[in-house]
Every structure is written in structure tokens, then in C-alpha cells.
C-alpha atoms as a PDB file:
ATOM      1  CA  MET A   1       0.000   0.000   0.000  1.00  0.00           C
ATOM      2  CA  ALA A   2       1.293   3.434  -0.889  1.00  0.00           C
ATOM      3  CA  LYS A   3       1.880   6.054   1.774  1.00  0.00           C
ATOM      4  CA  THR A   4      -1.316   7.871   2.662  1.00  0.00           C
ATOM      5  CA  SER A   5       0.416  11.227   2.206  1.00  0.00           C
ATOM      6  CA  GLN A   6       1.214  10.371  -1.418  1.00  0.00           C
ATOM      7  CA  LEU A   7      -2.358   9.242  -2.057  1.00  0.00           C
ATOM      8  CA  ALA A   8      -3.712  12.439  -0.493  1.00  0.00           C
ATOM      9  CA  ARG A   9      -1.364  14.543  -2.643  1.00  0.00           C
ATOM     10  CA  GLN A  10      -2.543  12.674  -5.753  1.00  0.00           C
ATOM     11  CA  LYS A  11      -6.229  13.300  -4.887  1.00  0.00           C
ATOM     12  CA  LYS A  12      -5.504  16.979  -4.338  1.00  0.00           C
ATOM     13  CA  ARG A  13      -3.884  17.166  -7.782  1.00  0.00           C
ATOM     14  CA  GLU A  14      -6.846  15.367  -9.366  1.00  0.00           C
ATOM     15  CA  LYS A  15      -9.244  17.932  -7.869  1.00  0.00           C
ATOM     16  CA  LEU A  16      -7.128  20.839  -9.134  1.00  0.00           C
ATOM     17  CA  VAL A  17      -6.914  19.337 -12.634  1.00  0.00           C
ATOM     18  CA  ALA A  18     -10.704  18.931 -12.743  1.00  0.00           C
ATOM     19  CA  LYS A  19     -11.263  22.452 -11.389  1.00  0.00           C
ATOM     20  CA  PHE A  20      -9.049  24.188 -13.949  1.00  0.00           C
ATOM     21  CA  ALA A  21      -9.692  21.893 -16.960  1.00  0.00           C
ATOM     22  CA  ALA A  22     -12.189  24.212 -18.683  1.00  0.00           C
ATOM     23  CA  LYS A  23     -10.143  27.332 -18.001  1.00  0.00           C
ATOM     24  CA  ARG A  24      -6.966  25.614 -19.239  1.00  0.00           C
ATOM     25  CA  ALA A  25      -8.683  24.501 -22.456  1.00  0.00           C
ATOM     26  CA  ALA A  26     -10.026  28.000 -23.110  1.00  0.00           C
ATOM     27  CA  LEU A  27      -6.621  29.596 -22.559  1.00  0.00           C
ATOM     28  CA  LYS A  28      -4.934  27.057 -24.822  1.00  0.00           C
ATOM     29  CA  ALA A  29      -7.486  27.647 -27.575  1.00  0.00           C
ATOM     30  CA  ALA A  30      -6.987  31.417 -27.294  1.00  0.00           C
ATOM     31  CA  GLY A  31      -3.206  30.971 -27.332  1.00  0.00           C
ATOM     32  CA  GLU A  32      -2.684  32.894 -24.093  1.00  0.00           C
ATOM     33  CA  PHE A  33       0.392  31.128 -22.796  1.00  0.00           C
ATOM     34  CA  ASP A  34       1.279  33.812 -20.247  1.00  0.00           C
ATOM     35  CA  ALA A  35      -2.057  33.273 -18.511  1.00  0.00           C
ATOM     36  CA  LEU A  36      -1.539  29.498 -18.658  1.00  0.00           C
ATOM     37  CA  GLN A  37       1.692  29.835 -16.717  1.00  0.00           C
ATOM     38  CA  LYS A  38      -0.124  31.699 -13.948  1.00  0.00           C
ATOM     39  CA  LEU A  39      -2.364  28.688 -13.223  1.00  0.00           C
ATOM     40  CA  PRO A  40      -1.248  26.457 -10.334  1.00  0.00           C
ATOM     41  CA  ARG A  41       1.415  23.915 -11.299  1.00  0.00           C
ATOM     42  CA  ASN A  42      -0.588  21.012  -9.921  1.00  0.00           C
ATOM     43  CA  ALA A  43      -3.502  21.969 -12.186  1.00  0.00           C
ATOM     44  CA  SER A  44      -1.626  20.485 -15.135  1.00  0.00           C
ATOM     45  CA  PRO A  45      -2.787  16.954 -16.063  1.00  0.00           C
ATOM     46  CA  VAL A  46       0.822  16.012 -16.829  1.00  0.00           C
ATOM     47  CA  ARG A  47       1.580  16.043 -13.106  1.00  0.00           C
ATOM     48  CA  LEU A  48      -0.895  13.226 -12.398  1.00  0.00           C
ATOM     49  CA  LYS A  49       0.567   9.769 -11.864  1.00  0.00           C
ATOM     50  CA  ASN A  50      -1.039   6.481 -12.800  1.00  0.00           C
ATOM     51  CA  ARG A  51      -1.776   4.550  -9.613  1.00  0.00           C
ATOM     52  CA  CYS A  52      -3.334   1.187  -8.821  1.00  0.00           C
ATOM     53  CA  THR A  53      -6.977   1.599  -7.813  1.00  0.00           C
ATOM     54  CA  ILE A  54      -6.648  -0.967  -5.024  1.00  0.00           C
ATOM     55  CA  SER A  55      -3.220  -0.469  -3.476  1.00  0.00           C
ATOM     56  CA  GLY A  56      -2.193   2.956  -4.781  1.00  0.00           C
ATOM     57  CA  ARG A  57       1.092   1.548  -6.097  1.00  0.00           C
ATOM     58  CA  SER A  58       2.582   3.677  -8.869  1.00  0.00           C
ATOM     59  CA  ARG A  59       5.149   1.274 -10.297  1.00  0.00           C
ATOM     60  CA  GLY A  60       4.231  -1.725 -12.414  1.00  0.00           C
ATOM     61  CA  TYR A  61       0.920  -0.129 -13.429  1.00  0.00           C
ATOM     62  CA  LEU A  62      -1.107  -1.897 -16.137  1.00  0.00           C
ATOM     63  CA  ARG A  63      -3.063   0.785 -17.955  1.00  0.00           C
ATOM     64  CA  ALA A  64      -5.588  -1.597 -19.520  1.00  0.00           C
ATOM     65  CA  PHE A  65      -6.770  -2.786 -16.107  1.00  0.00           C
ATOM     66  CA  GLY A  66      -5.949   0.160 -13.836  1.00  0.00           C
ATOM     67  CA  LEU A  67      -4.073  -2.149 -11.475  1.00  0.00           C
ATOM     68  CA  SER A  68      -0.505  -2.783 -10.412  1.00  0.00           C
ATOM     69  CA  ARG A  69       1.149  -5.991 -11.581  1.00  0.00           C
ATOM     70  CA  ILE A  70       0.857  -7.496  -8.103  1.00  0.00           C
ATOM     71  CA  GLN A  71      -2.876  -6.832  -7.706  1.00  0.00           C
ATOM     72  CA  PHE A  72      -3.498  -7.941 -11.290  1.00  0.00           C
ATOM     73  CA  ARG A  73      -1.763 -11.258 -10.660  1.00  0.00           C
ATOM     74  CA  GLU A  74      -3.731 -11.918  -7.464  1.00  0.00           C
ATOM     75  CA  LEU A  75      -7.091 -11.065  -9.051  1.00  0.00           C
ATOM     76  CA  ALA A  76      -6.322 -13.040 -12.226  1.00  0.00           C
ATOM     77  CA  ARG A  77      -5.387 -16.086 -10.170  1.00  0.00           C
ATOM     78  CA  GLU A  78      -8.720 -15.848  -8.315  1.00  0.00           C
ATOM     79  CA  GLY A  79     -10.552 -15.514 -11.650  1.00  0.00           C
ATOM     80  CA  LYS A  80     -11.862 -12.021 -10.891  1.00  0.00           C
ATOM     81  CA  VAL A  81     -10.462 -10.372 -14.031  1.00  0.00           C
ATOM     82  CA  PRO A  82     -12.741 -11.167 -16.999  1.00  0.00           C
ATOM     83  CA  GLY A  83     -11.058 -12.712 -20.026  1.00  0.00           C
ATOM     84  CA  VAL A  84      -7.824 -13.517 -18.216  1.00  0.00           C
ATOM     85  CA  LYS A  85      -6.742 -16.986 -17.179  1.00  0.00           C
ATOM     86  CA  LYS A  86      -3.467 -18.467 -16.046  1.00  0.00           C
ATOM     87  CA  ALA A  87      -1.446 -19.988 -18.836  1.00  0.00           C
ATOM     88  CA  SER A  88      -0.272 -23.527 -18.188  1.00  0.00           C
ATOM     89  CA  TRP A  89       1.697 -25.694 -20.558  1.00  0.00           C
END
């Protein structure tokens, strides 16, 4: 499990990105780059990190499932991920 402080920081960034999304799009369309730079840094979607929805782990993230490799393996072994089964040969 990721540190709770990191998860809280990520949620704060997600809120800021959502809050300033419309304003950021309007400024980009108008080409006002000076005004864009005055927005908070954490309002940029680039600063968001992909994290596992269960554990919050940031490394080994599988984008197609939204899970870390560890959680994916556990859920796949239990048969809880549709369309995925353990290969055996």
C-alpha cells in the first residue's frame, strides 16, 4: 500500500486538474500562454501519476486494467479479471 500522504497529494492534484480543466482549455485555444503559466502547477494533467486503484502503487501499473502488476496477478489467479486466465503448458 502506498503512503497515505502520497495518495492524499494525488487526490488533491486530481481535484485541481478537474477544477481548472475548462479554463486551461479556453486559454490554450486562445493561445494565451502567459495566462496558462499563472495557473497552479498542480492543475496540469501532466503532473498526475497512474496509480493502482486498489493499493495505490505507482510502479508496475497496467493501464488496460488500472491495477498494479501485483494486484493484477492476485485477481487473475482468483478468476476475478474477466477474459484472463493463467497460462499452463
